[in-house]
Amino acid sequence: MLKIDEIRLALSRLTHDWEIYDPHPSQAAVAMILNEGARGLDVCFIRRAERVGDPWSGQVAFPGGRASAADPDAFAVAERETWEEIGMHLTPAHRVGALPMRNVEHNVKRAGLTLWPFVYYVDAEQRASATARLPQEVASVFWVPIGHLFDHQHVTELEYPMGVTASTFPGIQFGEHVIWGLTLRVLASFAEVMQRRLPALT
């Protein structure tokens, strides 16, 4: 399965238009955090708390959130939000690279935004620091072996209300959690960069 040096090399080959970053709530960033687990690399996910009015209420996500006027760049957004949500202090030394920026279309539950996904690599001490620091926003923090994400045996479907009807979406099952939606699309970008097939979307 994937190694951190292989990921670092692949991300170093990408180019990005940093000039389009704007410290405005219409832009957001997330951190795909990696750590060496028992079976290779693990990936950090959070499950958002159930909150009325939150378009991502109860969903599995990467740590992250919207930009503020004080964030000098998109990396700063991901790092600030990670600290606020799970108490993990990410620094430039933890940066592996950036995935392609995504324009997220608006729907009935949320406005459109520009999403900047970043990949980080942390040690065991940093991993141990990750807890739900804001329980009103984050219900839990958990780590998934990266191989699990690329195993067709864990592909599932999730029914989600869209307005007055419900639609079915692809996902990855991990215990009681389903990784789907925007988070799954970020994983798809990662898989494409790494020239791997993500079974949930094929």
C-alpha atoms as a PDB file:
ATOM      1  CA  MET A   1       0.000   0.000   0.000  1.00  0.00           C
ATOM      2  CA  LEU A   2       0.978   3.644  -0.187  1.00  0.00           C
ATOM      3  CA  LYS A   3       4.058   4.971   1.605  1.00  0.00           C
ATOM      4  CA  ILE A   4       4.545   8.510   2.844  1.00  0.00           C
ATOM      5  CA  ASP A   5       7.564   9.175   0.595  1.00  0.00           C
ATOM      6  CA  GLU A   6       5.533   8.076  -2.439  1.00  0.00           C
ATOM      7  CA  ILE A   7       2.720  10.453  -1.451  1.00  0.00           C
ATOM      8  CA  ARG A   8       5.117  13.326  -0.833  1.00  0.00           C
ATOM      9  CA  LEU A   9       6.709  12.856  -4.259  1.00  0.00           C
ATOM     10  CA  ALA A  10       3.361  12.706  -6.093  1.00  0.00           C
ATOM     11  CA  LEU A  11       2.061  15.869  -4.399  1.00  0.00           C
ATOM     12  CA  SER A  12       5.309  17.745  -5.125  1.00  0.00           C
ATOM     13  CA  ARG A  13       4.598  17.383  -8.840  1.00  0.00           C
ATOM     14  CA  LEU A  14       1.301  19.319  -8.658  1.00  0.00           C
ATOM     15  CA  THR A  15       0.938  23.027  -9.319  1.00  0.00           C
ATOM     16  CA  HIS A  16      -1.579  25.305  -7.604  1.00  0.00           C
ATOM     17  CA  ASP A  17      -2.965  28.791  -8.183  1.00  0.00           C
ATOM     18  CA  TRP A  18      -2.458  30.190  -4.678  1.00  0.00           C
ATOM     19  CA  GLU A  19      -3.516  33.657  -5.852  1.00  0.00           C
ATOM     20  CA  ILE A  20      -7.183  32.711  -5.826  1.00  0.00           C
ATOM     21  CA  TYR A  21      -7.146  32.174  -2.059  1.00  0.00           C
ATOM     22  CA  ASP A  22      -9.264  34.808  -0.328  1.00  0.00           C
ATOM     23  CA  PRO A  23      -9.635  35.005   3.488  1.00  0.00           C
ATOM     24  CA  HIS A  24     -13.415  34.853   3.278  1.00  0.00           C
ATOM     25  CA  PRO A  25     -15.958  32.330   4.648  1.00  0.00           C
ATOM     26  CA  SER A  26     -16.744  31.279   1.077  1.00  0.00           C
ATOM     27  CA  GLN A  27     -13.366  29.498   1.159  1.00  0.00           C
ATOM     28  CA  ALA A  28     -12.493  26.532   3.362  1.00  0.00           C
ATOM     29  CA  ALA A  29      -9.669  24.072   3.956  1.00  0.00           C
ATOM     30  CA  VAL A  30      -9.390  20.551   5.344  1.00  0.00           C
ATOM     31  CA  ALA A  31      -6.497  18.465   6.656  1.00  0.00           C
ATOM     32  CA  MET A  32      -6.035  14.873   5.521  1.00  0.00           C
ATOM     33  CA  ILE A  33      -3.739  13.777   8.366  1.00  0.00           C
ATOM     34  CA  LEU A  34      -1.612  10.638   8.023  1.00  0.00           C
ATOM     35  CA  ASN A  35       0.211   8.606  10.657  1.00  0.00           C
ATOM     36  CA  GLU A  36       1.986   5.251  10.709  1.00  0.00           C
ATOM     37  CA  GLY A  37      -0.452   2.698  12.099  1.00  0.00           C
ATOM     38  CA  ALA A  38      -0.230  -1.024  12.789  1.00  0.00           C
ATOM     39  CA  ARG A  39      -0.902  -1.891   9.121  1.00  0.00           C
ATOM     40  CA  GLY A  40       0.715   1.009   7.313  1.00  0.00           C
ATOM     41  CA  LEU A  41      -0.582   4.548   7.047  1.00  0.00           C
ATOM     42  CA  ASP A  42      -3.750   5.559   8.898  1.00  0.00           C
ATOM     43  CA  VAL A  43      -5.960   8.545   8.036  1.00  0.00           C
ATOM     44  CA  CYS A  44      -7.636  10.794  10.615  1.00  0.00           C
ATOM     45  CA  PHE A  45     -11.373  11.472  10.355  1.00  0.00           C
ATOM     46  CA  ILE A  46     -13.895  13.198  12.568  1.00  0.00           C
ATOM     47  CA  ARG A  47     -17.609  12.719  12.929  1.00  0.00           C
ATOM     48  CA  ARG A  48     -19.379  16.032  13.237  1.00  0.00           C
ATOM     49  CA  ALA A  49     -21.867  16.497  16.046  1.00  0.00           C
ATOM     50  CA  GLU A  50     -25.583  16.498  15.302  1.00  0.00           C
ATOM     51  CA  ARG A  51     -26.501  20.186  15.116  1.00  0.00           C
ATOM     52  CA  VAL A  52     -29.628  21.863  13.773  1.00  0.00           C
ATOM     53  CA  GLY A  53     -28.777  24.160  10.880  1.00  0.00           C
ATOM     54  CA  ASP A  54     -25.373  22.577  10.200  1.00  0.00           C
ATOM     55  CA  PRO A  55     -25.325  21.320   6.576  1.00  0.00           C
ATOM     56  CA  TRP A  56     -22.699  18.701   7.538  1.00  0.00           C
ATOM     57  CA  SER A  57     -24.448  17.665  10.769  1.00  0.00           C
ATOM     58  CA  GLY A  58     -23.464  14.143  11.846  1.00  0.00           C
ATOM     59  CA  GLN A  59     -21.286  13.499   8.806  1.00  0.00           C
ATOM     60  CA  VAL A  60     -17.790  12.035   8.645  1.00  0.00           C
ATOM     61  CA  ALA A  61     -15.233  14.624   7.573  1.00  0.00           C
ATOM     62  CA  PHE A  62     -11.610  15.670   7.677  1.00  0.00           C
ATOM     63  CA  PRO A  63     -10.741  18.286  10.310  1.00  0.00           C
ATOM     64  CA  GLY A  64     -11.209  21.716   8.764  1.00  0.00           C
ATOM     65  CA  GLY A  65     -13.543  24.595   8.190  1.00  0.00           C
ATOM     66  CA  ARG A  66     -14.065  28.021   6.722  1.00  0.00           C
ATOM     67  CA  ALA A  67     -11.469  30.767   6.326  1.00  0.00           C
ATOM     68  CA  SER A  68     -11.371  33.822   8.561  1.00  0.00           C
ATOM     69  CA  ALA A  69      -9.921  37.259   7.889  1.00  0.00           C
ATOM     70  CA  ALA A  70      -6.916  36.396  10.091  1.00  0.00           C
ATOM     71  CA  ASP A  71      -5.829  33.387   7.985  1.00  0.00           C
ATOM     72  CA  PRO A  72      -2.913  34.451   5.731  1.00  0.00           C
ATOM     73  CA  ASP A  73      -3.226  31.438   3.425  1.00  0.00           C
ATOM     74  CA  ALA A  74      -5.239  28.280   2.931  1.00  0.00           C
ATOM     75  CA  PHE A  75      -2.757  26.142   4.886  1.00  0.00           C
ATOM     76  CA  ALA A  76      -3.401  28.393   7.895  1.00  0.00           C
ATOM     77  CA  VAL A  77      -7.126  27.691   7.636  1.00  0.00           C
ATOM     78  CA  ALA A  78      -6.642  23.916   7.815  1.00  0.00           C
ATOM     79  CA  GLU A  79      -4.127  24.195  10.661  1.00  0.00           C
ATOM     80  CA  ARG A  80      -6.196  26.601  12.757  1.00  0.00           C
ATOM     81  CA  GLU A  81      -9.376  24.575  12.302  1.00  0.00           C
ATOM     82  CA  THR A  82      -7.573  21.315  13.167  1.00  0.00           C
ATOM     83  CA  TRP A  83      -6.340  22.851  16.419  1.00  0.00           C
ATOM     84  CA  GLU A  84      -9.775  24.212  17.252  1.00  0.00           C
ATOM     85  CA  GLU A  85     -11.600  20.966  16.464  1.00  0.00           C
ATOM     86  CA  ILE A  86      -9.292  18.202  17.689  1.00  0.00           C
ATOM     87  CA  GLY A  87      -6.462  19.904  19.589  1.00  0.00           C
ATOM     88  CA  MET A  88      -3.724  18.808  17.167  1.00  0.00           C
ATOM     89  CA  HIS A  89      -1.075  21.436  16.522  1.00  0.00           C
ATOM     90  CA  LEU A  90      -0.093  21.164  12.847  1.00  0.00           C
ATOM     91  CA  THR A  91       2.929  23.162  11.644  1.00  0.00           C
ATOM     92  CA  PRO A  92       4.643  23.658   8.262  1.00  0.00           C
ATOM     93  CA  ALA A  93       6.960  20.767   9.225  1.00  0.00           C
ATOM     94  CA  HIS A  94       3.943  18.421   9.092  1.00  0.00           C
ATOM     95  CA  ARG A  95       2.899  19.466   5.580  1.00  0.00           C
ATOM     96  CA  VAL A  96       3.180  16.810   2.891  1.00  0.00           C
ATOM     97  CA  GLY A  97       1.496  18.791   0.118  1.00  0.00           C
ATOM     98  CA  ALA A  98      -1.723  20.107  -1.358  1.00  0.00           C
ATOM     99  CA  LEU A  99      -4.406  18.247  -3.266  1.00  0.00           C
ATOM    100  CA  PRO A 100      -6.236  20.006  -6.124  1.00  0.00           C
ATOM    101  CA  MET A 101      -8.544  22.795  -4.999  1.00  0.00           C
ATOM    102  CA  ARG A 102     -12.244  21.990  -5.430  1.00  0.00           C
ATOM    103  CA  ASN A 103     -15.188  24.232  -6.207  1.00  0.00           C
ATOM    104  CA  VAL A 104     -18.101  22.839  -4.202  1.00  0.00           C
ATOM    105  CA  GLU A 105     -21.479  23.602  -5.737  1.00  0.00           C
ATOM    106  CA  HIS A 106     -24.280  24.856  -3.546  1.00  0.00           C
ATOM    107  CA  ASN A 107     -27.336  22.726  -2.880  1.00  0.00           C
ATOM    108  CA  VAL A 108     -30.525  22.991  -0.840  1.00  0.00           C
ATOM    109  CA  LYS A 109     -28.603  22.755   2.439  1.00  0.00           C
ATOM    110  CA  ARG A 110     -25.398  24.716   1.899  1.00  0.00           C
ATOM    111  CA  ALA A 111     -23.906  27.564  -0.095  1.00  0.00           C
ATOM    112  CA  GLY A 112     -21.111  26.944  -2.579  1.00  0.00           C
ATOM    113  CA  LEU A 113     -17.506  27.270  -1.472  1.00  0.00           C
ATOM    114  CA  THR A 114     -13.905  26.845  -2.577  1.00  0.00           C
ATOM    115  CA  LEU A 115     -12.240  23.944  -0.763  1.00  0.00           C
ATOM    116  CA  TRP A 116      -8.479  23.578  -0.280  1.00  0.00           C
ATOM    117  CA  PRO A 117      -7.512  20.012   0.830  1.00  0.00           C
ATOM    118  CA  PHE A 118      -4.049  19.469   2.331  1.00  0.00           C
ATOM    119  CA  VAL A 119      -2.152  16.341   3.345  1.00  0.00           C
ATOM    120  CA  TYR A 120      -0.167  16.198   6.610  1.00  0.00           C
ATOM    121  CA  TYR A 121       1.995  13.568   8.289  1.00  0.00           C
ATOM    122  CA  VAL A 122       2.311  13.401  12.074  1.00  0.00           C
ATOM    123  CA  ASP A 123       4.099  11.241  14.643  1.00  0.00           C
ATOM    124  CA  ALA A 124       2.591   9.074  17.378  1.00  0.00           C
ATOM    125  CA  GLU A 125       2.663  11.891  19.937  1.00  0.00           C
ATOM    126  CA  GLN A 126       0.712  14.188  17.647  1.00  0.00           C
ATOM    127  CA  ARG A 127      -1.739  11.401  16.903  1.00  0.00           C
ATOM    128  CA  ALA A 128      -2.355  10.843  20.606  1.00  0.00           C
ATOM    129  CA  SER A 129      -3.235  14.539  21.010  1.00  0.00           C
ATOM    130  CA  ALA A 130      -6.236  14.241  18.679  1.00  0.00           C
ATOM    131  CA  THR A 131      -9.477  14.367  20.638  1.00  0.00           C
ATOM    132  CA  ALA A 132     -12.853  16.031  20.116  1.00  0.00           C
ATOM    133  CA  ARG A 133     -11.813  19.426  21.501  1.00  0.00           C
ATOM    134  CA  LEU A 134     -15.092  21.129  20.596  1.00  0.00           C
ATOM    135  CA  PRO A 135     -17.784  18.613  21.571  1.00  0.00           C
ATOM    136  CA  GLN A 136     -20.519  20.922  20.268  1.00  0.00           C
ATOM    137  CA  GLU A 137     -18.940  20.577  16.799  1.00  0.00           C
ATOM    138  CA  VAL A 138     -17.071  17.247  16.840  1.00  0.00           C
ATOM    139  CA  ALA A 139     -18.606  14.056  18.206  1.00  0.00           C
ATOM    140  CA  SER A 140     -15.574  11.790  17.753  1.00  0.00           C
ATOM    141  CA  VAL A 141     -12.119  11.376  16.204  1.00  0.00           C
ATOM    142  CA  PHE A 142     -11.059   8.088  14.631  1.00  0.00           C
ATOM    143  CA  TRP A 143      -8.305   6.689  12.397  1.00  0.00           C
ATOM    144  CA  VAL A 144      -8.804   4.429   9.381  1.00  0.00           C
ATOM    145  CA  PRO A 145      -6.081   2.299   7.721  1.00  0.00           C
ATOM    146  CA  ILE A 146      -5.532   3.724   4.263  1.00  0.00           C
ATOM    147  CA  GLY A 147      -5.793   0.233   2.806  1.00  0.00           C
ATOM    148  CA  HIS A 148      -9.348   0.006   4.138  1.00  0.00           C
ATOM    149  CA  LEU A 149     -10.341   2.974   1.970  1.00  0.00           C
ATOM    150  CA  PHE A 150      -9.123   1.189  -1.166  1.00  0.00           C
ATOM    151  CA  ASP A 151     -10.710  -2.198  -0.375  1.00  0.00           C
ATOM    152  CA  HIS A 152     -13.833  -2.973  -2.434  1.00  0.00           C
ATOM    153  CA  GLN A 153     -15.242  -5.062   0.437  1.00  0.00           C
ATOM    154  CA  HIS A 154     -16.052  -1.881   2.358  1.00  0.00           C
ATOM    155  CA  VAL A 155     -17.995  -0.106  -0.384  1.00  0.00           C
ATOM    156  CA  THR A 156     -21.530   0.795   0.677  1.00  0.00           C
ATOM    157  CA  GLU A 157     -24.397   3.167  -0.096  1.00  0.00           C
ATOM    158  CA  LEU A 158     -26.038   5.815   2.047  1.00  0.00           C
ATOM    159  CA  GLU A 159     -29.486   7.355   1.652  1.00  0.00           C
ATOM    160  CA  TYR A 160     -29.542  11.072   2.412  1.00  0.00           C
ATOM    161  CA  PRO A 161     -32.433  13.563   2.273  1.00  0.00           C
ATOM    162  CA  MET A 162     -32.152  16.168  -0.501  1.00  0.00           C
ATOM    163  CA  GLY A 163     -35.013  18.622  -0.126  1.00  0.00           C
ATOM    164  CA  VAL A 164     -38.290  16.731  -0.057  1.00  0.00           C
ATOM    165  CA  THR A 165     -36.807  13.506  -1.434  1.00  0.00           C
ATOM    166  CA  ALA A 166     -33.888  11.216  -0.591  1.00  0.00           C
ATOM    167  CA  SER A 167     -30.960  10.287  -2.809  1.00  0.00           C
ATOM    168  CA  THR A 168     -28.518   7.389  -2.592  1.00  0.00           C
ATOM    169  CA  PHE A 169     -24.785   8.102  -2.468  1.00  0.00           C
ATOM    170  CA  PRO A 170     -21.710   5.857  -2.578  1.00  0.00           C
ATOM    171  CA  GLY A 171     -19.620   5.499   0.554  1.00  0.00           C
ATOM    172  CA  ILE A 172     -17.008   3.549   2.492  1.00  0.00           C
ATOM    173  CA  GLN A 173     -18.117   1.690   5.620  1.00  0.00           C
ATOM    174  CA  PHE A 174     -15.835   1.732   8.663  1.00  0.00           C
ATOM    175  CA  GLY A 175     -17.543   0.293  11.719  1.00  0.00           C
ATOM    176  CA  GLU A 176     -20.509   2.520  12.477  1.00  0.00           C
ATOM    177  CA  HIS A 177     -19.181   5.290  10.207  1.00  0.00           C
ATOM    178  CA  VAL A 178     -19.798   5.934   6.505  1.00  0.00           C
ATOM    179  CA  ILE A 179     -17.321   8.104   4.596  1.00  0.00           C
ATOM    180  CA  TRP A 180     -19.207   9.757   1.736  1.00  0.00           C
ATOM    181  CA  GLY A 181     -20.065  13.057   0.070  1.00  0.00           C
ATOM    182  CA  LEU A 182     -17.462  15.808  -0.029  1.00  0.00           C
ATOM    183  CA  THR A 183     -14.991  13.803   2.054  1.00  0.00           C
ATOM    184  CA  LEU A 184     -15.226  10.922  -0.389  1.00  0.00           C
ATOM    185  CA  ARG A 185     -14.630  13.333  -3.278  1.00  0.00           C
ATOM    186  CA  VAL A 186     -11.451  14.595  -1.596  1.00  0.00           C
ATOM    187  CA  LEU A 187     -10.331  10.969  -1.261  1.00  0.00           C
ATOM    188  CA  ALA A 188     -11.087  10.551  -4.969  1.00  0.00           C
ATOM    189  CA  SER A 189      -8.739  13.455  -5.730  1.00  0.00           C
ATOM    190  CA  PHE A 190      -6.088  11.822  -3.574  1.00  0.00           C
ATOM    191  CA  ALA A 191      -6.561   8.487  -5.365  1.00  0.00           C
ATOM    192  CA  GLU A 192      -6.280  10.171  -8.759  1.00  0.00           C
ATOM    193  CA  VAL A 193      -3.040  11.927  -7.798  1.00  0.00           C
ATOM    194  CA  MET A 194      -1.661   8.628  -6.529  1.00  0.00           C
ATOM    195  CA  GLN A 195      -2.887   6.799  -9.663  1.00  0.00           C
ATOM    196  CA  ARG A 196      -4.973   4.397  -7.615  1.00  0.00           C
ATOM    197  CA  ARG A 197      -8.554   3.199  -8.071  1.00  0.00           C
ATOM    198  CA  LEU A 198     -11.029   4.150  -5.339  1.00  0.00           C
ATOM    199  CA  PRO A 199     -13.596   1.309  -5.433  1.00  0.00           C
ATOM    200  CA  ALA A 200     -16.407   3.373  -3.893  1.00  0.00           C
ATOM    201  CA  LEU A 201     -16.459   5.602  -6.977  1.00  0.00           C
ATOM    202  CA  THR A 202     -15.793   3.072  -9.738  1.00  0.00           C
END
